[in-house]
Amino acid sequence: MIRRALVAAALATTALVALPAGPAQASACPVNYLCITTYYSDAAHTTEIGLREELCDGTLYVWGVRSNYSDYYRGPC
């Protein structure tokens, strides 16, 4: 019984370690909405380092790099 518990704990720990941690992902922009994600270099949002802009007509503009520090705007067209 104790051996099963130890094996289960070891497997759970291995599974948690194996999960990759990635950067925050922007949510999908709904149809007929303008969505803008601005990425910053730090938590204070002092330096803009990237942008993802999805226009109402479906046009996508992307420049710079993504980071975990971002602002997201979504508004109807």
N, C-alpha and C. Protein backbone atom coordinates (compact mmCIF):
# COMPACT_ATOMS: atom_id res chain seq x y z
N MET A 1 0.82 -1.20 0.00
CA MET A 1 0.00 0.00 0.00
C MET A 1 0.87 1.27 0.00
N ILE A 2 1.89 1.30 0.86
CA ILE A 2 2.78 2.45 0.91
C ILE A 2 3.56 2.56 -0.39
N ARG A 3 3.96 1.42 -0.94
CA ARG A 3 4.72 1.43 -2.19
C ARG A 3 3.88 2.02 -3.32
N ARG A 4 2.62 1.68 -3.40
CA ARG A 4 1.74 2.25 -4.43
C ARG A 4 1.63 3.77 -4.29
N ALA A 5 1.52 4.22 -3.05
CA ALA A 5 1.41 5.65 -2.81
C ALA A 5 2.70 6.36 -3.25
N LEU A 6 3.85 5.77 -2.95
CA LEU A 6 5.13 6.36 -3.35
C LEU A 6 5.27 6.40 -4.87
N VAL A 7 4.87 5.33 -5.54
CA VAL A 7 4.93 5.30 -7.00
C VAL A 7 3.99 6.35 -7.60
N ALA A 8 2.80 6.46 -7.05
CA ALA A 8 1.84 7.45 -7.55
C ALA A 8 2.39 8.87 -7.35
N ALA A 9 3.00 9.13 -6.19
CA ALA A 9 3.56 10.45 -5.93
C ALA A 9 4.72 10.76 -6.88
N ALA A 10 5.55 9.75 -7.14
CA ALA A 10 6.67 9.94 -8.07
C ALA A 10 6.18 10.23 -9.47
N LEU A 11 5.15 9.53 -9.92
CA LEU A 11 4.60 9.76 -11.25
C LEU A 11 3.97 11.15 -11.36
N ALA A 12 3.26 11.56 -10.32
CA ALA A 12 2.64 12.88 -10.34
C ALA A 12 3.70 13.97 -10.38
N THR A 13 4.76 13.82 -9.62
CA THR A 13 5.84 14.80 -9.62
C THR A 13 6.51 14.87 -10.97
N THR A 14 6.75 13.72 -11.59
CA THR A 14 7.36 13.68 -12.92
C THR A 14 6.46 14.36 -13.94
N ALA A 15 5.17 14.13 -13.86
CA ALA A 15 4.23 14.74 -14.81
C ALA A 15 4.24 16.25 -14.67
N LEU A 16 4.31 16.76 -13.44
CA LEU A 16 4.31 18.21 -13.24
C LEU A 16 5.60 18.84 -13.75
N VAL A 17 6.70 18.17 -13.58
CA VAL A 17 7.97 18.69 -14.05
C VAL A 17 8.04 18.68 -15.57
N ALA A 18 7.40 17.72 -16.20
CA ALA A 18 7.47 17.56 -17.65
C ALA A 18 6.60 18.55 -18.41
N LEU A 19 5.66 19.20 -17.74
CA LEU A 19 4.79 20.14 -18.43
C LEU A 19 5.56 21.42 -18.76
N PRO A 20 5.57 21.82 -20.05
CA PRO A 20 6.30 23.04 -20.42
C PRO A 20 5.53 24.29 -19.99
N ALA A 21 6.25 25.29 -19.61
CA ALA A 21 5.65 26.59 -19.28
C ALA A 21 5.99 27.55 -20.41
N GLY A 22 4.98 28.10 -21.05
CA GLY A 22 5.21 29.01 -22.18
C GLY A 22 4.73 30.41 -21.86
N PRO A 23 4.98 31.34 -22.75
CA PRO A 23 4.53 32.70 -22.54
C PRO A 23 3.01 32.81 -22.65
N ALA A 24 2.47 33.84 -22.08
CA ALA A 24 1.04 34.06 -22.16
C ALA A 24 0.61 34.20 -23.60
N GLN A 25 -0.51 33.61 -23.92
CA GLN A 25 -1.03 33.66 -25.28
C GLN A 25 -2.20 34.62 -25.35
N ALA A 26 -2.27 35.34 -26.42
CA ALA A 26 -3.40 36.23 -26.64
C ALA A 26 -4.64 35.40 -26.94
N SER A 27 -5.80 35.85 -26.45
CA SER A 27 -7.03 35.13 -26.74
C SER A 27 -7.46 35.41 -28.18
N ALA A 28 -8.29 34.53 -28.72
CA ALA A 28 -8.75 34.68 -30.09
C ALA A 28 -9.63 35.92 -30.21
N CYS A 29 -9.48 36.64 -31.30
CA CYS A 29 -10.26 37.85 -31.53
C CYS A 29 -11.57 37.47 -32.22
N PRO A 30 -12.72 37.81 -31.64
CA PRO A 30 -14.00 37.48 -32.26
C PRO A 30 -14.20 38.23 -33.58
N VAL A 31 -15.08 37.72 -34.42
CA VAL A 31 -15.43 38.36 -35.68
C VAL A 31 -16.06 39.72 -35.38
N ASN A 32 -15.75 40.71 -36.20
CA ASN A 32 -16.25 42.09 -36.07
C ASN A 32 -15.77 42.78 -34.80
N TYR A 33 -14.57 42.45 -34.36
CA TYR A 33 -13.94 43.12 -33.22
C TYR A 33 -12.54 43.57 -33.61
N LEU A 34 -12.10 44.63 -32.99
CA LEU A 34 -10.72 45.10 -33.11
C LEU A 34 -10.00 44.62 -31.85
N CYS A 35 -8.88 43.92 -32.02
CA CYS A 35 -8.13 43.40 -30.88
C CYS A 35 -6.67 43.83 -31.00
N ILE A 36 -6.17 44.42 -29.93
CA ILE A 36 -4.78 44.89 -29.92
C ILE A 36 -4.11 44.37 -28.65
N THR A 37 -3.01 43.67 -28.83
CA THR A 37 -2.18 43.22 -27.72
C THR A 37 -0.85 43.94 -27.82
N THR A 38 -0.49 44.68 -26.79
CA THR A 38 0.77 45.40 -26.73
C THR A 38 1.67 44.71 -25.73
N TYR A 39 2.89 44.40 -26.14
CA TYR A 39 3.85 43.69 -25.28
C TYR A 39 4.91 44.67 -24.78
N TYR A 40 5.28 44.52 -23.50
CA TYR A 40 6.25 45.40 -22.86
C TYR A 40 7.44 44.61 -22.32
N SER A 41 8.53 45.32 -22.09
CA SER A 41 9.76 44.67 -21.63
C SER A 41 9.74 44.32 -20.15
N ASP A 42 8.87 45.00 -19.37
CA ASP A 42 8.85 44.73 -17.93
C ASP A 42 7.45 44.98 -17.36
N ALA A 43 7.29 44.66 -16.10
CA ALA A 43 5.99 44.77 -15.45
C ALA A 43 5.50 46.22 -15.33
N ALA A 44 6.41 47.16 -15.36
CA ALA A 44 6.04 48.58 -15.27
C ALA A 44 5.50 49.13 -16.59
N HIS A 45 5.59 48.34 -17.66
CA HIS A 45 5.10 48.73 -18.99
C HIS A 45 5.77 50.02 -19.48
N THR A 46 7.07 50.13 -19.26
CA THR A 46 7.79 51.35 -19.66
C THR A 46 8.25 51.33 -21.12
N THR A 47 8.60 50.14 -21.64
CA THR A 47 9.12 50.06 -23.00
C THR A 47 8.30 49.06 -23.81
N GLU A 48 7.67 49.55 -24.88
CA GLU A 48 6.90 48.69 -25.78
C GLU A 48 7.87 47.93 -26.67
N ILE A 49 7.73 46.58 -26.70
CA ILE A 49 8.65 45.78 -27.51
C ILE A 49 7.95 44.98 -28.60
N GLY A 50 6.61 45.01 -28.62
CA GLY A 50 5.89 44.28 -29.65
C GLY A 50 4.42 44.62 -29.67
N LEU A 51 3.76 44.25 -30.77
CA LEU A 51 2.35 44.56 -30.95
C LEU A 51 1.71 43.51 -31.85
N ARG A 52 0.49 43.14 -31.52
CA ARG A 52 -0.33 42.29 -32.38
C ARG A 52 -1.67 42.99 -32.52
N GLU A 53 -2.01 43.33 -33.75
CA GLU A 53 -3.24 44.09 -34.01
C GLU A 53 -4.08 43.34 -35.05
N GLU A 54 -5.30 42.98 -34.64
CA GLU A 54 -6.24 42.32 -35.55
C GLU A 54 -7.36 43.29 -35.85
N LEU A 55 -7.43 43.72 -37.10
CA LEU A 55 -8.40 44.73 -37.51
C LEU A 55 -9.76 44.11 -37.78
N CYS A 56 -10.75 44.96 -37.90
CA CYS A 56 -12.13 44.52 -38.13
C CYS A 56 -12.30 43.73 -39.42
N ASP A 57 -11.47 44.02 -40.43
CA ASP A 57 -11.60 43.32 -41.71
C ASP A 57 -10.79 42.02 -41.74
N GLY A 58 -10.19 41.65 -40.59
CA GLY A 58 -9.43 40.41 -40.53
C GLY A 58 -7.94 40.58 -40.78
N THR A 59 -7.51 41.79 -41.13
CA THR A 59 -6.09 42.05 -41.36
C THR A 59 -5.33 41.91 -40.04
N LEU A 60 -4.17 41.28 -40.11
CA LEU A 60 -3.35 41.06 -38.93
C LEU A 60 -2.00 41.76 -39.11
N TYR A 61 -1.65 42.60 -38.15
CA TYR A 61 -0.34 43.24 -38.12
C TYR A 61 0.39 42.76 -36.87
N VAL A 62 1.64 42.34 -37.04
CA VAL A 62 2.45 41.89 -35.92
C VAL A 62 3.85 42.44 -36.09
N TRP A 63 4.43 42.99 -35.03
CA TRP A 63 5.82 43.41 -35.07
C TRP A 63 6.44 43.23 -33.68
N GLY A 64 7.75 43.14 -33.63
CA GLY A 64 8.46 43.01 -32.37
C GLY A 64 8.41 41.61 -31.81
N VAL A 65 8.49 41.53 -30.49
CA VAL A 65 8.50 40.25 -29.79
C VAL A 65 7.41 40.22 -28.73
N ARG A 66 7.03 39.00 -28.35
CA ARG A 66 6.05 38.82 -27.29
C ARG A 66 6.76 38.70 -25.95
N SER A 67 6.04 39.03 -24.89
CA SER A 67 6.55 38.86 -23.53
C SER A 67 5.37 38.55 -22.61
N ASN A 68 5.68 38.27 -21.37
CA ASN A 68 4.63 38.00 -20.38
C ASN A 68 3.96 39.28 -19.89
N TYR A 69 4.51 40.44 -20.24
CA TYR A 69 3.97 41.73 -19.81
C TYR A 69 3.21 42.35 -20.97
N SER A 70 1.90 42.39 -20.86
CA SER A 70 1.10 42.86 -21.99
C SER A 70 -0.19 43.54 -21.54
N ASP A 71 -0.74 44.32 -22.46
CA ASP A 71 -2.08 44.90 -22.34
C ASP A 71 -2.89 44.36 -23.49
N TYR A 72 -4.17 44.10 -23.24
CA TYR A 72 -5.04 43.58 -24.29
C TYR A 72 -6.27 44.47 -24.38
N TYR A 73 -6.55 44.93 -25.58
CA TYR A 73 -7.76 45.73 -25.84
C TYR A 73 -8.62 44.99 -26.85
N ARG A 74 -9.92 44.92 -26.58
CA ARG A 74 -10.87 44.35 -27.54
C ARG A 74 -12.11 45.22 -27.55
N GLY A 75 -12.52 45.65 -28.75
CA GLY A 75 -13.70 46.49 -28.87
C GLY A 75 -14.44 46.18 -30.16
N PRO A 76 -15.76 46.38 -30.17
CA PRO A 76 -16.54 46.11 -31.37
C PRO A 76 -16.21 47.09 -32.49
N CYS A 77 -16.39 46.65 -33.71
CA CYS A 77 -16.14 47.51 -34.87
C CYS A 77 -17.30 48.43 -35.14
